[in-house]
Amino acid sequence: MAAVCALVALVALCLPFTTNATPAPNATATTWTAETRAEKDCKDPEKQTLSPSSADGDTIRKIKDREGGKRKLIVGVDQNSFRWGYRDPNSGKSAELEGFDIDLVHRIAEDILGDPDAVQFKAIPTDQRIPAIQGERVDMVVRTMTIACDRIDDVAFSAPYFKTGQQVLAPKASPVKGYDKTLAGRRICTASGSTAHSRLQADKDARELPADTDISTTVPNQLDCLVRLQLGEVDAVVTDGALAASQAAQDPTVQLKGDAFTTDYYGVAMKRDADDLVRRVNQILVDYRKDTANGWQASYNRWLSATMGKDAKKSEPPAPQYLRTS
């Protein structure tokens, strides 16, 4: 256990990579109207995105026109999520960022700027994803970010690029069996600002979780929950099943408990008025999923099949649906 914890800690403490570069303010006129957004009666947030387009608008032109050799896409990512966005100290590539989300970022940069490496990565904690977008510190966030009703007032999402669901992670020897009454009296860790924490709080308020379940432990990054679990400071972790599977691969003493109890989708998050960028990313996702040689399926096979199984169909989102806009 000590060896595993040390390995996780090593990954978690990899040097951050940030600069002071800030994207120019976006002056693009928005087409997100009160009629099309429908946040007040939100049921399917993954369907509230704009139709695909390859056209350059104000947002994309400003990215392309950055001065001083800074013609790069600035993207908020994770550097601690195994097989999603992480640094492998044994990769022999100066511990470059790699993973499923990182592959998608390179594809977006290649389409918009003609160079898959024209990217400036910024490590963003879970609870700073939305502030980073709103503060224009990044052009987008590609960081296992769930498309959720309580977020679509704050940021714009692409169409879904991955299907997952909330799940419980606990030690193999634990009596916890899943998201049920076996969580009574247990301490649960979630990432601050995560969908998991919002769901637990809502269920606690609605008395759908045992009254003595302790959900007070929150951390900046999801990997910190695994460390807390290893140290015995919490009894279980609740997070996306896709991330939980990667954490279980890092530590063979823990496992997923029970089935996923929600259906969630990851999307690329961008500024609310970056309509041309949202449409462009949606077009890229259409092409990415069609590319069997170097697209979505190839990336899944490379990074996720070992932890989530060879059948990618359960993780592939359905055909996207778009808002009807004038």
Protein backbone atom coordinates (compact mmCIF):
# COMPACT_ATOMS: atom_id res chain seq x y z
CA MET A 1 0.00 0.00 0.00
CA ALA A 2 2.81 2.42 0.85
CA ALA A 3 4.38 1.85 -2.54
CA VAL A 4 1.10 2.49 -4.33
CA CYS A 5 0.44 5.63 -2.31
CA ALA A 6 3.93 6.89 -3.07
CA LEU A 7 3.37 6.32 -6.78
CA VAL A 8 0.08 8.22 -6.73
CA ALA A 9 1.66 11.02 -4.75
CA LEU A 10 4.48 11.24 -7.31
CA VAL A 11 1.99 11.67 -10.11
CA ALA A 12 -0.04 14.18 -8.12
CA LEU A 13 3.00 16.33 -7.40
CA CYS A 14 4.19 16.66 -10.98
CA LEU A 15 5.20 20.23 -11.74
CA PRO A 16 2.36 22.48 -12.91
CA PHE A 17 2.56 24.17 -16.26
CA THR A 18 1.08 27.64 -16.49
CA THR A 19 1.90 30.99 -18.01
CA ASN A 20 0.42 34.44 -17.79
CA ALA A 21 -0.92 34.43 -21.34
CA THR A 22 -4.58 35.43 -21.50
CA PRO A 23 -6.89 35.09 -24.49
CA ALA A 24 -8.32 38.29 -25.90
CA PRO A 25 -11.90 39.11 -24.87
CA ASN A 26 -14.51 37.63 -27.12
CA ALA A 27 -16.81 40.03 -28.95
CA THR A 28 -18.78 37.42 -30.88
CA ALA A 29 -22.52 38.05 -30.80
CA THR A 30 -24.24 35.17 -29.06
CA THR A 31 -27.01 33.05 -30.55
CA TRP A 32 -27.80 31.46 -27.18
CA THR A 33 -31.27 32.90 -26.58
CA ALA A 34 -33.64 32.39 -23.70
CA GLU A 35 -35.83 30.31 -26.00
CA THR A 36 -33.05 27.93 -27.08
CA ARG A 37 -31.23 27.52 -23.78
CA ALA A 38 -34.18 26.28 -21.69
CA GLU A 39 -32.09 26.06 -18.52
CA LYS A 40 -35.16 26.72 -16.40
CA ASP A 41 -36.55 23.34 -17.38
CA CYS A 42 -33.29 21.51 -17.99
CA LYS A 43 -33.63 17.77 -18.51
CA ASP A 44 -31.07 16.87 -21.15
CA PRO A 45 -28.16 19.33 -20.89
CA GLU A 46 -26.07 17.23 -23.30
CA LYS A 47 -28.49 18.22 -26.08
CA GLN A 48 -28.16 21.97 -25.51
CA THR A 49 -25.30 22.70 -27.87
CA LEU A 50 -24.94 24.38 -31.26
CA SER A 51 -24.86 22.63 -34.62
CA PRO A 52 -21.45 21.89 -36.19
CA SER A 53 -19.66 24.33 -38.48
CA SER A 54 -16.12 24.68 -39.84
CA ALA A 55 -16.37 28.45 -40.26
CA ASP A 56 -14.00 30.83 -38.48
CA GLY A 57 -15.71 33.44 -36.31
CA ASP A 58 -14.39 36.13 -33.99
CA THR A 59 -13.25 33.71 -31.30
CA ILE A 60 -11.24 31.51 -33.63
CA ARG A 61 -9.74 34.48 -35.47
CA LYS A 62 -8.49 35.91 -32.19
CA ILE A 63 -6.86 32.59 -31.34
CA LYS A 64 -5.16 32.57 -34.73
CA ASP A 65 -4.09 36.21 -34.45
CA ARG A 66 -2.36 36.02 -31.09
CA GLU A 67 0.85 38.06 -31.08
CA GLY A 68 4.38 37.36 -29.96
CA GLY A 69 4.61 33.77 -31.13
CA LYS A 70 1.67 32.77 -28.92
CA ARG A 71 -0.45 31.33 -31.72
CA LYS A 72 -1.57 28.44 -29.59
CA LEU A 73 -4.78 26.99 -28.26
CA ILE A 74 -4.87 27.52 -24.49
CA VAL A 75 -6.56 24.53 -22.84
CA GLY A 76 -7.33 23.69 -19.23
CA VAL A 77 -6.63 20.03 -18.48
CA ASP A 78 -5.88 17.62 -15.67
CA GLN A 79 -2.38 16.31 -15.13
CA ASN A 80 -3.26 13.77 -12.44
CA SER A 81 -5.98 11.58 -13.97
CA PHE A 82 -4.47 8.27 -15.00
CA ARG A 83 -5.03 7.55 -18.71
CA TRP A 84 -7.07 10.75 -19.17
CA GLY A 85 -4.65 13.59 -18.59
CA TYR A 86 -1.46 12.69 -16.74
CA ARG A 87 2.32 12.60 -16.83
CA ASP A 88 3.91 9.17 -16.93
CA PRO A 89 7.39 9.40 -15.37
CA ASN A 90 8.31 6.14 -17.12
CA SER A 91 7.27 7.23 -20.60
CA GLY A 92 10.76 8.32 -21.64
CA LYS A 93 9.31 11.48 -23.19
CA SER A 94 10.22 13.97 -20.47
CA ALA A 95 6.93 13.07 -18.79
CA GLU A 96 4.82 14.78 -21.44
CA LEU A 97 1.09 15.01 -20.89
CA GLU A 98 -0.82 12.12 -22.39
CA GLY A 99 -4.17 10.37 -22.19
CA PHE A 100 -7.63 10.26 -23.75
CA ASP A 101 -8.45 13.92 -23.11
CA ILE A 102 -5.00 15.00 -24.30
CA ASP A 103 -5.48 13.17 -27.62
CA LEU A 104 -8.68 15.16 -28.17
CA VAL A 105 -6.92 18.44 -27.41
CA HIS A 106 -4.24 17.69 -30.00
CA ARG A 107 -6.93 16.90 -32.56
CA ILE A 108 -8.70 20.22 -31.90
CA ALA A 109 -5.43 22.15 -32.21
CA GLU A 110 -4.59 20.39 -35.45
CA ASP A 111 -7.93 21.31 -36.97
CA ILE A 112 -7.96 24.96 -35.87
CA LEU A 113 -4.26 25.84 -36.10
CA GLY A 114 -2.91 23.16 -38.42
CA ASP A 115 -0.51 21.83 -35.77
CA PRO A 116 -1.47 19.21 -33.15
CA ASP A 117 1.25 20.56 -30.84
CA ALA A 118 0.12 24.19 -31.02
CA VAL A 119 -1.26 23.89 -27.50
CA GLN A 120 -0.51 25.63 -24.24
CA PHE A 121 -1.70 23.32 -21.46
CA LYS A 122 -2.80 24.71 -18.11
CA ALA A 123 -3.38 22.47 -15.11
CA ILE A 124 -6.80 23.36 -13.70
CA PRO A 125 -8.21 22.00 -10.40
CA THR A 126 -11.73 20.61 -10.56
CA ASP A 127 -13.34 23.58 -8.83
CA GLN A 128 -11.49 26.10 -11.03
CA ARG A 129 -12.67 24.84 -14.43
CA ILE A 130 -15.55 27.29 -14.81
CA PRO A 131 -13.70 30.31 -13.33
CA ALA A 132 -10.79 29.66 -15.71
CA ILE A 133 -13.16 29.81 -18.69
CA GLN A 134 -15.11 32.82 -17.48
CA GLY A 135 -11.89 34.67 -16.64
CA GLU A 136 -10.55 33.93 -20.15
CA ARG A 137 -7.45 32.22 -18.78
CA VAL A 138 -8.17 29.36 -21.18
CA ASP A 139 -9.97 28.97 -24.49
CA MET A 140 -11.56 25.74 -23.36
CA VAL A 141 -11.44 23.01 -20.75
CA VAL A 142 -11.00 19.36 -21.75
CA ARG A 143 -10.89 17.69 -18.37
CA THR A 144 -13.44 14.89 -17.87
CA MET A 145 -16.01 17.65 -17.33
CA THR A 146 -19.60 16.51 -17.05
CA ILE A 147 -22.25 18.39 -18.99
CA ALA A 148 -24.69 19.38 -16.25
CA CYS A 149 -27.76 21.56 -15.85
CA ASP A 150 -26.17 23.64 -13.11
CA ARG A 151 -23.25 24.48 -15.41
CA ILE A 152 -24.92 25.50 -18.67
CA ASP A 153 -25.74 28.95 -17.30
CA ASP A 154 -22.02 29.53 -16.81
CA VAL A 155 -20.25 27.89 -19.76
CA ALA A 156 -21.06 26.51 -23.20
CA PHE A 157 -20.52 22.82 -23.86
CA SER A 158 -19.77 20.87 -26.98
CA ALA A 159 -21.71 17.79 -27.88
CA PRO A 160 -20.81 14.82 -25.63
CA TYR A 161 -17.59 12.98 -26.37
CA PHE A 162 -17.83 10.30 -23.63
CA LYS A 163 -20.56 8.52 -21.67
CA THR A 164 -20.05 7.63 -18.02
CA GLY A 165 -21.91 7.66 -14.67
CA GLN A 166 -21.31 8.22 -10.98
CA GLN A 167 -19.97 5.21 -9.11
CA VAL A 168 -18.56 4.23 -5.72
CA LEU A 169 -14.92 3.27 -5.21
CA ALA A 170 -13.89 1.56 -1.95
CA PRO A 171 -11.35 -0.95 -0.61
CA LYS A 172 -11.99 -4.51 -1.74
CA ALA A 173 -12.43 -5.62 1.86
CA SER A 174 -14.94 -2.87 2.61
CA PRO A 175 -18.56 -3.79 3.48
CA VAL A 176 -19.69 -0.98 1.16
CA LYS A 177 -21.60 -2.58 -1.73
CA GLY A 178 -22.50 0.46 -3.81
CA TYR A 179 -24.57 3.62 -3.69
CA ASP A 180 -26.98 2.30 -1.10
CA LYS A 181 -27.62 1.86 2.61
CA THR A 182 -24.17 0.33 3.10
CA LEU A 183 -22.85 3.92 2.99
CA ALA A 184 -24.48 4.56 6.37
CA GLY A 185 -21.92 5.94 8.78
CA ARG A 186 -19.25 6.05 6.06
CA ARG A 187 -17.01 8.97 5.15
CA ILE A 188 -17.16 9.78 1.44
CA CYS A 189 -14.67 11.86 -0.51
CA THR A 190 -15.54 13.89 -3.62
CA ALA A 191 -13.80 16.61 -5.61
CA SER A 192 -14.93 20.13 -4.79
CA GLY A 193 -17.10 21.53 -7.58
CA SER A 194 -17.70 18.08 -9.05
CA THR A 195 -20.95 16.57 -10.27
CA ALA A 196 -20.48 13.82 -7.70
CA HIS A 197 -20.45 16.25 -4.79
CA SER A 198 -23.54 18.06 -6.12
CA ARG A 199 -25.40 14.76 -6.43
CA LEU A 200 -24.45 13.61 -2.93
CA GLN A 201 -25.51 16.93 -1.43
CA ALA A 202 -28.85 16.81 -3.26
CA ASP A 203 -29.48 13.23 -2.17
CA LYS A 204 -28.49 14.05 1.41
CA ASP A 205 -30.93 16.99 1.43
CA ALA A 206 -33.65 14.77 -0.02
CA ARG A 207 -32.89 12.06 2.58
CA GLU A 208 -32.05 9.59 -0.15
CA LEU A 209 -28.68 8.97 1.50
CA PRO A 210 -28.44 7.62 5.05
CA ALA A 211 -28.57 10.53 7.47
CA ASP A 212 -25.22 9.64 9.05
CA THR A 213 -23.30 9.43 5.76
CA ASP A 214 -20.47 11.96 5.99
CA ILE A 215 -19.94 13.84 2.71
CA SER A 216 -17.92 16.70 4.19
CA THR A 217 -14.56 15.64 2.74
CA THR A 218 -13.85 17.47 -0.51
CA VAL A 219 -10.53 17.93 -2.30
CA PRO A 220 -9.26 20.15 -5.15
CA ASN A 221 -8.45 17.24 -7.47
CA GLN A 222 -10.06 13.82 -7.78
CA LEU A 223 -6.79 11.93 -7.35
CA ASP A 224 -6.52 13.40 -3.84
CA CYS A 225 -9.57 11.30 -2.91
CA LEU A 226 -7.67 8.12 -3.74
CA VAL A 227 -4.83 9.24 -1.48
CA ARG A 228 -7.31 9.97 1.33
CA LEU A 229 -8.78 6.49 0.82
CA GLN A 230 -5.34 4.90 0.94
CA LEU A 231 -4.53 6.75 4.17
CA GLY A 232 -7.77 5.58 5.78
CA GLU A 233 -9.10 9.12 6.14
CA VAL A 234 -12.28 8.23 4.20
CA ASP A 235 -14.17 5.00 3.57
CA ALA A 236 -15.22 5.51 -0.04
CA VAL A 237 -14.93 7.78 -3.05
CA VAL A 238 -17.74 8.82 -5.38
CA THR A 239 -16.73 9.97 -8.84
CA ASP A 240 -17.31 9.23 -12.51
CA GLY A 241 -17.02 5.52 -13.21
CA ALA A 242 -14.48 6.23 -15.95
CA LEU A 243 -12.17 7.98 -13.48
CA ALA A 244 -12.85 5.42 -10.75
CA ALA A 245 -11.77 2.61 -13.11
CA SER A 246 -8.48 4.42 -13.72
CA GLN A 247 -7.95 4.87 -9.99
CA ALA A 248 -8.65 1.19 -9.37
CA ALA A 249 -5.98 0.42 -11.98
CA GLN A 250 -3.50 2.49 -9.95
CA ASP A 251 -4.27 0.68 -6.70
CA PRO A 252 -5.22 -3.03 -6.81
CA THR A 253 -6.53 -2.88 -3.22
CA VAL A 254 -9.59 -0.85 -4.24
CA GLN A 255 -12.46 -1.61 -6.60
CA LEU A 256 -15.68 -0.25 -8.04
CA LYS A 257 -18.65 -1.09 -5.84
CA GLY A 258 -22.03 -1.54 -7.47
CA ASP A 259 -23.26 -0.13 -10.76
CA ALA A 260 -23.24 3.46 -11.94
CA PHE A 261 -26.24 5.27 -10.45
CA THR A 262 -26.37 8.13 -12.98
CA THR A 263 -25.82 8.60 -16.71
CA ASP A 264 -23.46 11.45 -17.47
CA TYR A 265 -21.59 12.81 -20.46
CA TYR A 266 -18.27 14.60 -20.79
CA GLY A 267 -18.11 17.68 -22.99
CA VAL A 268 -15.58 20.32 -24.00
CA ALA A 269 -16.41 23.49 -22.05
CA MET A 270 -15.99 26.97 -23.54
CA LYS A 271 -17.07 30.57 -22.90
CA ARG A 272 -20.80 31.24 -23.20
CA ASP A 273 -20.49 33.59 -26.19
CA ALA A 274 -17.84 31.60 -28.11
CA ASP A 275 -20.42 30.30 -30.57
CA ASP A 276 -18.03 29.82 -33.49
CA LEU A 277 -15.63 27.84 -31.30
CA VAL A 278 -18.45 25.65 -29.96
CA ARG A 279 -19.63 24.93 -33.49
CA ARG A 280 -16.08 24.21 -34.67
CA VAL A 281 -15.42 21.77 -31.81
CA ASN A 282 -18.71 20.03 -32.58
CA GLN A 283 -17.62 19.61 -36.20
CA ILE A 284 -14.27 18.26 -35.02
CA LEU A 285 -16.05 15.74 -32.79
CA VAL A 286 -18.16 14.54 -35.72
CA ASP A 287 -15.00 13.94 -37.76
CA TYR A 288 -13.10 12.50 -34.79
CA ARG A 289 -15.71 9.81 -34.22
CA LYS A 290 -15.76 8.90 -37.92
CA ASP A 291 -11.97 8.51 -38.05
CA THR A 292 -11.51 4.83 -37.20
CA ALA A 293 -7.73 4.90 -37.72
CA ASN A 294 -6.72 7.89 -35.59
CA GLY A 295 -9.90 9.10 -33.93
CA TRP A 296 -12.09 8.38 -30.91
CA GLN A 297 -11.95 4.58 -31.15
CA ALA A 298 -8.18 4.48 -31.58
CA SER A 299 -7.72 6.74 -28.56
CA TYR A 300 -10.07 4.56 -26.49
CA ASN A 301 -8.14 1.44 -27.47
CA ARG A 302 -4.85 3.04 -26.53
CA TRP A 303 -5.77 4.57 -23.19
CA LEU A 304 -8.98 3.13 -21.76
CA SER A 305 -9.51 -0.43 -22.96
CA ALA A 306 -7.16 -1.79 -20.29
CA THR A 307 -9.21 -0.27 -17.46
CA MET A 308 -12.72 -0.11 -18.93
CA GLY A 309 -12.82 -3.14 -21.21
CA LYS A 310 -12.42 -3.65 -24.94
CA ASP A 311 -16.07 -2.92 -25.73
CA ALA A 312 -16.13 0.84 -26.26
CA LYS A 313 -19.82 0.98 -27.16
CA LYS A 314 -20.93 1.48 -23.57
CA SER A 315 -18.73 4.57 -23.33
CA GLU A 316 -19.47 6.05 -26.74
CA PRO A 317 -22.16 8.73 -26.51
CA PRO A 318 -25.24 8.55 -28.74
CA ALA A 319 -25.49 10.53 -31.95
CA PRO A 320 -25.46 14.20 -30.91
CA GLN A 321 -28.56 16.37 -30.93
CA TYR A 322 -28.28 20.12 -31.41
CA LEU A 323 -30.29 23.19 -30.55
CA ARG A 324 -32.44 24.73 -33.25
CA THR A 325 -31.33 28.33 -33.60
CA SER A 326 -32.33 31.07 -35.98
